[in-house]
PDB file of N, CA and C in Angstrom:
ATOM      1  N   MET A   1     -70.727 156.627 -57.859  1.00  0.00           N
ATOM      2  CA  MET A   1     -71.420 155.937 -58.809  1.00  0.00           C
ATOM      3  C   MET A   1     -71.913 157.084 -59.922  1.00  0.00           C
ATOM      4  N   THR A   2     -71.677 156.644 -61.307  1.00  0.00           N
ATOM      5  CA  THR A   2     -72.355 157.647 -62.289  1.00  0.00           C
ATOM      6  C   THR A   2     -73.212 156.973 -62.929  1.00  0.00           C
ATOM      7  N   ILE A   3     -74.296 157.878 -63.252  1.00  0.00           N
ATOM      8  CA  ILE A   3     -75.466 157.430 -64.335  1.00  0.00           C
ATOM      9  C   ILE A   3     -75.287 158.377 -65.456  1.00  0.00           C
ATOM     10  N   ARG A   4     -75.151 157.741 -66.492  1.00  0.00           N
ATOM     11  CA  ARG A   4     -75.162 158.494 -67.653  1.00  0.00           C
ATOM     12  C   ARG A   4     -76.395 157.814 -68.656  1.00  0.00           C
ATOM     13  N   ILE A   5     -77.106 158.794 -69.156  1.00  0.00           N
ATOM     14  CA  ILE A   5     -78.149 158.455 -70.001  1.00  0.00           C
ATOM     15  C   ILE A   5     -78.068 159.368 -71.189  1.00  0.00           C
ATOM     16  N   ASP A   6     -78.004 158.943 -72.211  1.00  0.00           N
ATOM     17  CA  ASP A   6     -77.809 159.765 -73.547  1.00  0.00           C
ATOM     18  C   ASP A   6     -79.169 160.335 -73.742  1.00  0.00           C
ATOM     19  N   PRO A   7     -79.361 161.824 -73.667  1.00  0.00           N
ATOM     20  CA  PRO A   7     -80.686 162.324 -73.792  1.00  0.00           C
ATOM     21  C   PRO A   7     -81.445 161.839 -74.818  1.00  0.00           C
ATOM     22  N   ARG A   8     -81.076 161.634 -76.156  1.00  0.00           N
ATOM     23  CA  ARG A   8     -81.852 160.980 -77.310  1.00  0.00           C
ATOM     24  C   ARG A   8     -82.508 159.558 -76.783  1.00  0.00           C
ATOM     25  N   SER A   9     -81.412 158.842 -76.132  1.00  0.00           N
ATOM     26  CA  SER A   9     -82.074 157.529 -75.732  1.00  0.00           C
ATOM     27  C   SER A   9     -83.115 157.693 -74.606  1.00  0.00           C
ATOM     28  N   ALA A  10     -83.000 158.669 -73.647  1.00  0.00           N
ATOM     29  CA  ALA A  10     -83.881 158.813 -72.467  1.00  0.00           C
ATOM     30  C   ALA A  10     -85.280 159.458 -73.194  1.00  0.00           C
ATOM     31  N   ALA A  11     -85.039 160.248 -74.200  1.00  0.00           N
ATOM     32  CA  ALA A  11     -86.315 160.874 -74.957  1.00  0.00           C
ATOM     33  C   ALA A  11     -86.841 159.605 -75.728  1.00  0.00           C
ATOM     34  N   GLY A  12     -86.117 158.751 -76.249  1.00  0.00           N
ATOM     35  CA  GLY A  12     -86.793 157.543 -76.999  1.00  0.00           C
ATOM     36  C   GLY A  12     -87.268 156.615 -75.964  1.00  0.00           C
ATOM     37  N   ILE A  13     -87.071 156.460 -74.780  1.00  0.00           N
ATOM     38  CA  ILE A  13     -87.497 155.574 -73.848  1.00  0.00           C
ATOM     39  C   ILE A  13     -88.968 156.186 -73.491  1.00  0.00           C
ATOM     40  N   GLN A  14     -88.863 157.630 -73.077  1.00  0.00           N
ATOM     41  CA  GLN A  14     -90.108 158.315 -72.782  1.00  0.00           C
ATOM     42  C   GLN A  14     -91.097 158.194 -73.952  1.00  0.00           C
ATOM     43  N   ARG A  15     -90.725 158.419 -75.178  1.00  0.00           N
ATOM     44  CA  ARG A  15     -91.647 158.439 -76.469  1.00  0.00           C
ATOM     45  C   ARG A  15     -92.076 157.041 -76.406  1.00  0.00           C
ATOM     46  N   ALA A  16     -91.393 155.994 -76.330  1.00  0.00           N
ATOM     47  CA  ALA A  16     -91.921 154.584 -76.321  1.00  0.00           C
ATOM     48  C   ALA A  16     -93.193 154.410 -75.618  1.00  0.00           C
ATOM     49  N   HIS A  17     -92.731 154.917 -74.309  1.00  0.00           N
ATOM     50  CA  HIS A  17     -93.925 154.578 -73.187  1.00  0.00           C
ATOM     51  C   HIS A  17     -95.172 155.433 -73.684  1.00  0.00           C
ATOM     52  N   THR A  18     -95.237 156.764 -74.145  1.00  0.00           N
ATOM     53  CA  THR A  18     -96.221 157.508 -74.693  1.00  0.00           C
ATOM     54  C   THR A  18     -97.001 156.856 -75.646  1.00  0.00           C
ATOM     55  N   ASP A  19     -96.224 156.506 -76.816  1.00  0.00           N
ATOM     56  CA  ASP A  19     -96.517 155.862 -77.885  1.00  0.00           C
ATOM     57  C   ASP A  19     -97.356 154.670 -77.629  1.00  0.00           C
ATOM     58  N   ALA A  20     -97.056 153.641 -76.475  1.00  0.00           N
ATOM     59  CA  ALA A  20     -97.571 152.448 -76.115  1.00  0.00           C
ATOM     60  C   ALA A  20     -98.941 152.852 -75.455  1.00  0.00           C
ATOM     61  N   ALA A  21     -98.889 153.927 -74.661  1.00  0.00           N
ATOM     62  CA  ALA A  21    -100.310 154.268 -73.892  1.00  0.00           C
ATOM     63  C   ALA A  21    -101.266 154.752 -74.889  1.00  0.00           C
ATOM     64  N   GLU A  22    -100.788 155.527 -75.882  1.00  0.00           N
ATOM     65  CA  GLU A  22    -101.623 155.946 -77.039  1.00  0.00           C
ATOM     66  C   GLU A  22    -102.226 155.055 -77.914  1.00  0.00           C
ATOM     67  N   GLY A  23    -101.354 154.137 -78.343  1.00  0.00           N
ATOM     68  CA  GLY A  23    -101.786 152.874 -79.050  1.00  0.00           C
ATOM     69  C   GLY A  23    -102.734 152.170 -78.203  1.00  0.00           C
ATOM     70  N   ILE A  24    -102.598 151.690 -77.020  1.00  0.00           N
ATOM     71  CA  ILE A  24    -103.770 151.123 -76.321  1.00  0.00           C
ATOM     72  C   ILE A  24    -104.998 151.937 -76.231  1.00  0.00           C
ATOM     73  N   ASP A  25    -104.837 153.238 -76.061  1.00  0.00           N
ATOM     74  CA  ASP A  25    -106.054 153.973 -75.968  1.00  0.00           C
ATOM     75  C   ASP A  25    -106.873 154.052 -77.396  1.00  0.00           C
ATOM     76  N   ASP A  26    -106.048 153.968 -78.335  1.00  0.00           N
ATOM     77  CA  ASP A  26    -106.460 154.238 -79.723  1.00  0.00           C
ATOM     78  C   ASP A  26    -107.422 152.734 -80.120  1.00  0.00           C
ATOM     79  N   LEU A  27    -106.887 151.618 -79.292  1.00  0.00           N
ATOM     80  CA  LEU A  27    -107.459 150.317 -79.976  1.00  0.00           C
ATOM     81  C   LEU A  27    -108.807 150.297 -78.791  1.00  0.00           C
ATOM     82  N   ALA A  28    -108.683 150.789 -77.851  1.00  0.00           N
ATOM     83  CA  ALA A  28    -109.786 150.663 -76.747  1.00  0.00           C
ATOM     84  C   ALA A  28    -111.277 150.743 -77.487  1.00  0.00           C
ATOM     85  N   GLY A  29    -111.485 151.648 -78.483  1.00  0.00           N
ATOM     86  CA  GLY A  29    -112.753 151.879 -79.012  1.00  0.00           C
ATOM     87  C   GLY A  29    -112.985 150.683 -79.886  1.00  0.00           C
ATOM     88  N   SER A  30    -112.117 149.907 -80.221  1.00  0.00           N
ATOM     89  CA  SER A  30    -112.484 148.814 -81.174  1.00  0.00           C
ATOM     90  C   SER A  30    -112.840 147.646 -80.343  1.00  0.00           C
ATOM     91  N   ILE A  31    -113.040 147.369 -78.968  1.00  0.00           N
ATOM     92  CA  ILE A  31    -113.488 146.451 -78.202  1.00  0.00           C
ATOM     93  C   ILE A  31    -115.059 146.361 -78.541  1.00  0.00           C
ATOM     94  N   PRO A  32    -115.574 145.199 -78.829  1.00  0.00           N
ATOM     95  CA  PRO A  32    -117.040 145.084 -79.120  1.00  0.00           C
ATOM     96  C   PRO A  32    -117.837 145.122 -77.627  1.00  0.00           C
ATOM     97  N   LYS A  33    -118.768 145.687 -77.593  1.00  0.00           N
ATOM     98  CA  LYS A  33    -119.525 145.806 -76.379  1.00  0.00           C
ATOM     99  C   LYS A  33    -120.397 144.448 -76.272  1.00  0.00           C
ATOM    100  N   SER A  34    -120.831 143.622 -77.251  1.00  0.00           N
ATOM    101  CA  SER A  34    -121.304 142.463 -77.173  1.00  0.00           C
ATOM    102  C   SER A  34    -120.728 141.486 -78.146  1.00  0.00           C
ATOM    103  N   VAL A  35    -121.002 140.234 -78.104  1.00  0.00           N
ATOM    104  CA  VAL A  35    -120.543 139.263 -78.938  1.00  0.00           C
ATOM    105  C   VAL A  35    -121.591 138.318 -79.342  1.00  0.00           C
ATOM    106  N   ASP A  36    -121.453 137.762 -80.408  1.00  0.00           N
ATOM    107  CA  ASP A  36    -122.487 136.619 -80.743  1.00  0.00           C
ATOM    108  C   ASP A  36    -121.781 135.417 -80.474  1.00  0.00           C
ATOM    109  N   GLY A  37    -121.761 134.922 -79.354  1.00  0.00           N
ATOM    110  CA  GLY A  37    -121.094 133.634 -79.105  1.00  0.00           C
ATOM    111  C   GLY A  37    -122.071 132.663 -78.376  1.00  0.00           C
ATOM    112  N   GLY A  38    -123.281 132.649 -78.975  1.00  0.00           N
ATOM    113  CA  GLY A  38    -124.416 131.762 -78.425  1.00  0.00           C
ATOM    114  C   GLY A  38    -124.275 131.734 -76.678  1.00  0.00           C
ATOM    115  N   GLU A  39    -124.213 130.616 -76.281  1.00  0.00           N
ATOM    116  CA  GLU A  39    -124.478 130.414 -74.768  1.00  0.00           C
ATOM    117  C   GLU A  39    -123.082 130.801 -74.212  1.00  0.00           C
ATOM    118  N   GLY A  40    -121.986 131.041 -74.900  1.00  0.00           N
ATOM    119  CA  GLY A  40    -120.724 131.478 -74.254  1.00  0.00           C
ATOM    120  C   GLY A  40    -120.706 133.110 -74.338  1.00  0.00           C
ATOM    121  N   ALA A  41    -121.563 133.784 -75.032  1.00  0.00           N
ATOM    122  CA  ALA A  41    -121.556 135.132 -75.199  1.00  0.00           C
ATOM    123  C   ALA A  41    -121.332 135.835 -73.640  1.00  0.00           C
ATOM    124  N   PRO A  42    -121.994 135.505 -72.676  1.00  0.00           N
ATOM    125  CA  PRO A  42    -121.740 136.414 -71.454  1.00  0.00           C
ATOM    126  C   PRO A  42    -120.342 136.021 -70.883  1.00  0.00           C
ATOM    127  N   ASP A  43    -119.802 134.885 -71.056  1.00  0.00           N
ATOM    128  CA  ASP A  43    -118.350 134.592 -70.673  1.00  0.00           C
ATOM    129  C   ASP A  43    -117.296 135.376 -71.547  1.00  0.00           C
ATOM    130  N   LEU A  44    -117.507 135.396 -73.080  1.00  0.00           N
ATOM    131  CA  LEU A  44    -116.804 135.979 -73.771  1.00  0.00           C
ATOM    132  C   LEU A  44    -116.873 137.541 -73.628  1.00  0.00           C
ATOM    133  N   THR A  45    -118.114 137.963 -73.133  1.00  0.00           N
ATOM    134  CA  THR A  45    -118.175 139.498 -72.893  1.00  0.00           C
ATOM    135  C   THR A  45    -117.342 139.825 -71.670  1.00  0.00           C
ATOM    136  N   GLU A  46    -117.572 138.989 -70.642  1.00  0.00           N
ATOM    137  CA  GLU A  46    -116.808 139.106 -69.565  1.00  0.00           C
ATOM    138  C   GLU A  46    -115.206 139.131 -69.682  1.00  0.00           C
ATOM    139  N   ILE A  47    -114.869 138.299 -70.415  1.00  0.00           N
ATOM    140  CA  ILE A  47    -113.355 138.226 -70.732  1.00  0.00           C
ATOM    141  C   ILE A  47    -112.940 139.466 -71.474  1.00  0.00           C
ATOM    142  N   LEU A  48    -113.760 139.973 -72.324  1.00  0.00           N
ATOM    143  CA  LEU A  48    -113.501 141.158 -73.028  1.00  0.00           C
ATOM    144  C   LEU A  48    -113.281 142.222 -72.155  1.00  0.00           C
ATOM    145  N   ALA A  49    -114.351 142.447 -70.954  1.00  0.00           N
ATOM    146  CA  ALA A  49    -114.177 143.375 -70.184  1.00  0.00           C
ATOM    147  C   ALA A  49    -112.937 143.444 -69.285  1.00  0.00           C
ATOM    148  N   VAL A  50    -112.587 142.203 -68.858  1.00  0.00           N
ATOM    149  CA  VAL A  50    -111.137 142.057 -68.068  1.00  0.00           C
ATOM    150  C   VAL A  50    -110.031 142.500 -68.901  1.00  0.00           C
ATOM    151  N   VAL A  51    -110.051 142.263 -70.437  1.00  0.00           N
ATOM    152  CA  VAL A  51    -108.961 142.658 -71.181  1.00  0.00           C
ATOM    153  C   VAL A  51    -109.117 144.012 -71.318  1.00  0.00           C
ATOM    154  N   ALA A  52    -110.203 144.731 -71.430  1.00  0.00           N
ATOM    155  CA  ALA A  52    -110.007 146.095 -71.638  1.00  0.00           C
ATOM    156  C   ALA A  52    -109.715 146.826 -70.414  1.00  0.00           C
ATOM    157  N   ASP A  53    -110.084 146.243 -69.256  1.00  0.00           N
ATOM    158  CA  ASP A  53    -109.576 146.768 -67.909  1.00  0.00           C
ATOM    159  C   ASP A  53    -108.090 146.722 -67.700  1.00  0.00           C
ATOM    160  N   VAL A  54    -107.561 145.553 -68.083  1.00  0.00           N
ATOM    161  CA  VAL A  54    -106.155 145.381 -68.065  1.00  0.00           C
ATOM    162  C   VAL A  54    -105.331 146.348 -68.922  1.00  0.00           C
ATOM    163  N   ALA A  55    -105.873 146.558 -69.948  1.00  0.00           N
ATOM    164  CA  ALA A  55    -105.295 147.224 -71.116  1.00  0.00           C
ATOM    165  C   ALA A  55    -105.297 148.642 -70.676  1.00  0.00           C
ATOM    166  N   GLY A  56    -106.394 149.199 -70.189  1.00  0.00           N
ATOM    167  CA  GLY A  56    -106.371 150.637 -69.415  1.00  0.00           C
ATOM    168  C   GLY A  56    -105.285 150.897 -68.225  1.00  0.00           C
ATOM    169  N   THR A  57    -105.183 149.758 -67.509  1.00  0.00           N
ATOM    170  CA  THR A  57    -103.980 149.705 -66.401  1.00  0.00           C
ATOM    171  C   THR A  57    -102.758 149.737 -67.168  1.00  0.00           C
ATOM    172  N   LEU A  58    -102.559 148.897 -68.155  1.00  0.00           N
ATOM    173  CA  LEU A  58    -101.457 149.050 -68.991  1.00  0.00           C
ATOM    174  C   LEU A  58    -100.815 150.352 -69.508  1.00  0.00           C
ATOM    175  N   ALA A  59    -101.890 151.073 -70.129  1.00  0.00           N
ATOM    176  CA  ALA A  59    -101.911 152.308 -70.621  1.00  0.00           C
ATOM    177  C   ALA A  59    -101.405 153.459 -69.508  1.00  0.00           C
ATOM    178  N   MET A  60    -102.082 153.329 -68.366  1.00  0.00           N
ATOM    179  CA  MET A  60    -101.868 154.330 -67.081  1.00  0.00           C
ATOM    180  C   MET A  60    -100.441 153.921 -66.751  1.00  0.00           C
ATOM    181  N   ILE A  61    -100.016 152.740 -66.772  1.00  0.00           N
ATOM    182  CA  ILE A  61     -98.669 152.504 -66.142  1.00  0.00           C
ATOM    183  C   ILE A  61     -97.599 152.966 -67.255  1.00  0.00           C
ATOM    184  N   ASN A  62     -97.984 152.947 -68.410  1.00  0.00           N
ATOM    185  CA  ASN A  62     -96.946 153.390 -69.521  1.00  0.00           C
ATOM    186  C   ASN A  62     -96.870 155.045 -69.349  1.00  0.00           C
ATOM    187  N   ARG A  63     -98.032 155.628 -69.203  1.00  0.00           N
ATOM    188  CA  ARG A  63     -97.975 157.139 -68.956  1.00  0.00           C
ATOM    189  C   ARG A  63     -97.183 157.570 -67.902  1.00  0.00           C
ATOM    190  N   ALA A  64     -97.300 156.750 -66.719  1.00  0.00           N
ATOM    191  CA  ALA A  64     -96.478 156.926 -65.603  1.00  0.00           C
ATOM    192  C   ALA A  64     -95.023 156.831 -65.770  1.00  0.00           C
ATOM    193  N   SER A  65     -94.755 155.900 -66.482  1.00  0.00           N
ATOM    194  CA  SER A  65     -93.490 155.309 -66.509  1.00  0.00           C
ATOM    195  C   SER A  65     -92.770 156.620 -67.578  1.00  0.00           C
ATOM    196  N   GLY A  66     -93.297 156.858 -68.561  1.00  0.00           N
ATOM    197  CA  GLY A  66     -92.756 158.085 -69.414  1.00  0.00           C
ATOM    198  C   GLY A  66     -92.641 159.168 -68.598  1.00  0.00           C
ATOM    199  N   GLU A  67     -93.430 159.614 -67.645  1.00  0.00           N
ATOM    200  CA  GLU A  67     -93.457 160.642 -66.723  1.00  0.00           C
ATOM    201  C   GLU A  67     -92.216 160.496 -66.061  1.00  0.00           C
ATOM    202  N   MET A  68     -92.029 159.258 -65.368  1.00  0.00           N
ATOM    203  CA  MET A  68     -90.828 159.073 -64.419  1.00  0.00           C
ATOM    204  C   MET A  68     -89.745 159.155 -65.163  1.00  0.00           C
ATOM    205  N   VAL A  69     -89.748 158.764 -66.367  1.00  0.00           N
ATOM    206  CA  VAL A  69     -88.259 158.878 -67.162  1.00  0.00           C
ATOM    207  C   VAL A  69     -87.860 160.237 -67.249  1.00  0.00           C
ATOM    208  N   THR A  70     -88.924 161.066 -67.853  1.00  0.00           N
ATOM    209  CA  THR A  70     -88.743 162.547 -67.902  1.00  0.00           C
ATOM    210  C   THR A  70     -88.128 163.264 -66.517  1.00  0.00           C
ATOM    211  N   SER A  71     -88.899 162.781 -65.563  1.00  0.00           N
ATOM    212  CA  SER A  71     -88.573 163.540 -64.125  1.00  0.00           C
ATOM    213  C   SER A  71     -87.137 162.948 -63.817  1.00  0.00           C
ATOM    214  N   ALA A  72     -86.886 161.781 -64.147  1.00  0.00           N
ATOM    215  CA  ALA A  72     -85.382 161.206 -63.718  1.00  0.00           C
ATOM    216  C   ALA A  72     -84.169 162.100 -64.455  1.00  0.00           C
ATOM    217  N   ILE A  73     -84.466 162.114 -65.677  1.00  0.00           N
ATOM    218  CA  ILE A  73     -83.717 162.937 -66.629  1.00  0.00           C
ATOM    219  C   ILE A  73     -83.415 164.224 -66.346  1.00  0.00           C
ATOM    220  N   LEU A  74     -84.615 165.105 -65.948  1.00  0.00           N
ATOM    221  CA  LEU A  74     -84.644 166.430 -65.287  1.00  0.00           C
ATOM    222  C   LEU A  74     -83.639 166.407 -64.055  1.00  0.00           C
ATOM    223  N   ASP A  75     -83.979 165.401 -63.130  1.00  0.00           N
ATOM    224  CA  ASP A  75     -83.132 165.421 -61.851  1.00  0.00           C
ATOM    225  C   ASP A  75     -81.749 165.091 -62.012  1.00  0.00           C
ATOM    226  N   LEU A  76     -81.460 164.217 -62.936  1.00  0.00           N
ATOM    227  CA  LEU A  76     -79.981 164.015 -63.207  1.00  0.00           C
ATOM    228  C   LEU A  76     -79.363 165.397 -63.807  1.00  0.00           C
ATOM    229  N   GLN A  77     -80.122 165.829 -64.510  1.00  0.00           N
ATOM    230  CA  GLN A  77     -79.322 167.264 -65.199  1.00  0.00           C
ATOM    231  C   GLN A  77     -79.271 168.251 -64.198  1.00  0.00           C
ATOM    232  N   VAL A  78     -80.147 168.471 -63.308  1.00  0.00           N
ATOM    233  CA  VAL A  78     -80.034 169.416 -62.137  1.00  0.00           C
ATOM    234  C   VAL A  78     -78.701 168.951 -61.289  1.00  0.00           C
ATOM    235  N   THR A  79     -78.596 167.777 -60.985  1.00  0.00           N
ATOM    236  CA  THR A  79     -77.672 167.223 -60.064  1.00  0.00           C
ATOM    237  C   THR A  79     -76.403 167.369 -60.777  1.00  0.00           C
ATOM    238  N   ASP A  80     -76.130 167.009 -62.209  1.00  0.00           N
ATOM    239  CA  ASP A  80     -74.936 167.296 -62.885  1.00  0.00           C
ATOM    240  C   ASP A  80     -74.632 168.748 -62.744  1.00  0.00           C
ATOM    241  N   GLU A  81     -75.615 169.624 -62.972  1.00  0.00           N
ATOM    242  CA  GLU A  81     -75.098 171.216 -62.981  1.00  0.00           C
ATOM    243  C   GLU A  81     -74.783 171.635 -61.540  1.00  0.00           C
ATOM    244  N   ASP A  82     -75.438 170.974 -60.600  1.00  0.00           N
ATOM    245  CA  ASP A  82     -75.087 171.541 -59.253  1.00  0.00           C
ATOM    246  C   ASP A  82     -73.782 170.872 -58.867  1.00  0.00           C
ATOM    247  N   VAL A  83     -73.264 169.620 -59.263  1.00  0.00           N
ATOM    248  CA  VAL A  83     -72.034 169.214 -59.069  1.00  0.00           C
ATOM    249  C   VAL A  83     -70.947 169.879 -59.790  1.00  0.00           C
ATOM    250  N   ALA A  84     -71.238 170.328 -61.142  1.00  0.00           N
ATOM    251  CA  ALA A  84     -70.377 171.207 -62.051  1.00  0.00           C
ATOM    252  C   ALA A  84     -70.034 172.368 -61.209  1.00  0.00           C
ATOM    253  N   VAL A  85     -71.224 173.173 -60.814  1.00  0.00           N
ATOM    254  CA  VAL A  85     -70.897 174.375 -60.077  1.00  0.00           C
ATOM    255  C   VAL A  85     -69.904 174.408 -58.844  1.00  0.00           C
ATOM    256  N   THR A  86     -70.209 173.207 -58.147  1.00  0.00           N
ATOM    257  CA  THR A  86     -69.354 173.007 -56.969  1.00  0.00           C
ATOM    258  C   THR A  86     -67.892 172.621 -57.126  1.00  0.00           C
ATOM    259  N   PHE A  87     -67.634 171.904 -58.226  1.00  0.00           N
ATOM    260  CA  PHE A  87     -66.362 171.539 -58.730  1.00  0.00           C
ATOM    261  C   PHE A  87     -65.746 172.845 -59.314  1.00  0.00           C
ATOM    262  N   ASP A  88     -66.426 173.795 -59.991  1.00  0.00           N
ATOM    263  CA  ASP A  88     -65.955 174.968 -60.482  1.00  0.00           C
ATOM    264  C   ASP A  88     -65.434 175.961 -59.407  1.00  0.00           C
ATOM    265  N   GLN A  89     -66.310 176.090 -58.278  1.00  0.00           N
ATOM    266  CA  GLN A  89     -65.924 176.692 -57.013  1.00  0.00           C
ATOM    267  C   GLN A  89     -64.711 176.092 -56.481  1.00  0.00           C
ATOM    268  N   LEU A  90     -64.625 175.001 -56.165  1.00  0.00           N
ATOM    269  CA  LEU A  90     -63.281 174.265 -55.764  1.00  0.00           C
ATOM    270  C   LEU A  90     -62.120 174.658 -56.511  1.00  0.00           C
ATOM    271  N   ALA A  91     -62.371 174.558 -57.853  1.00  0.00           N
ATOM    272  CA  ALA A  91     -61.196 174.737 -58.487  1.00  0.00           C
ATOM    273  C   ALA A  91     -60.765 176.035 -58.601  1.00  0.00           C
ATOM    274  N   SER A  92     -61.610 176.996 -58.481  1.00  0.00           N
ATOM    275  CA  SER A  92     -61.263 178.408 -58.458  1.00  0.00           C
ATOM    276  C   SER A  92     -60.556 178.819 -56.985  1.00  0.00           C
ATOM    277  N   GLU A  93     -60.895 178.123 -55.841  1.00  0.00           N
ATOM    278  CA  GLU A  93     -60.343 178.173 -54.677  1.00  0.00           C
ATOM    279  C   GLU A  93     -58.816 177.667 -54.659  1.00  0.00           C
ATOM    280  N   VAL A  94     -58.656 176.627 -55.324  1.00  0.00           N
ATOM    281  CA  VAL A  94     -57.474 175.916 -55.454  1.00  0.00           C
ATOM    282  C   VAL A  94     -56.272 176.744 -56.173  1.00  0.00           C
ATOM    283  N   ARG A  95     -56.774 177.405 -57.180  1.00  0.00           N
ATOM    284  CA  ARG A  95     -55.944 178.187 -57.953  1.00  0.00           C
ATOM    285  C   ARG A  95     -55.363 179.340 -57.312  1.00  0.00           C
TER     286      ARG A  95
END
């Protein structure tokens, strides 16, 4: 089985994950600490806290995904290089 990933595509995928994480982090500061929601204010504040927590988790997942894409690309490159060396050795022995 062959896996081919265009380096530019892989870099784009990695960048998309990084950009998503940074975008979430940038918006985190805009979440209000309290709301004027009358009697519903405690519930609204709790909802915002949950949203902020989930957003933080999403940012962490995006960062980890970006790192995994980078790691996979590096692993594939090393594997390709190792296979190429082995085939070169075999080819020189056959000649």
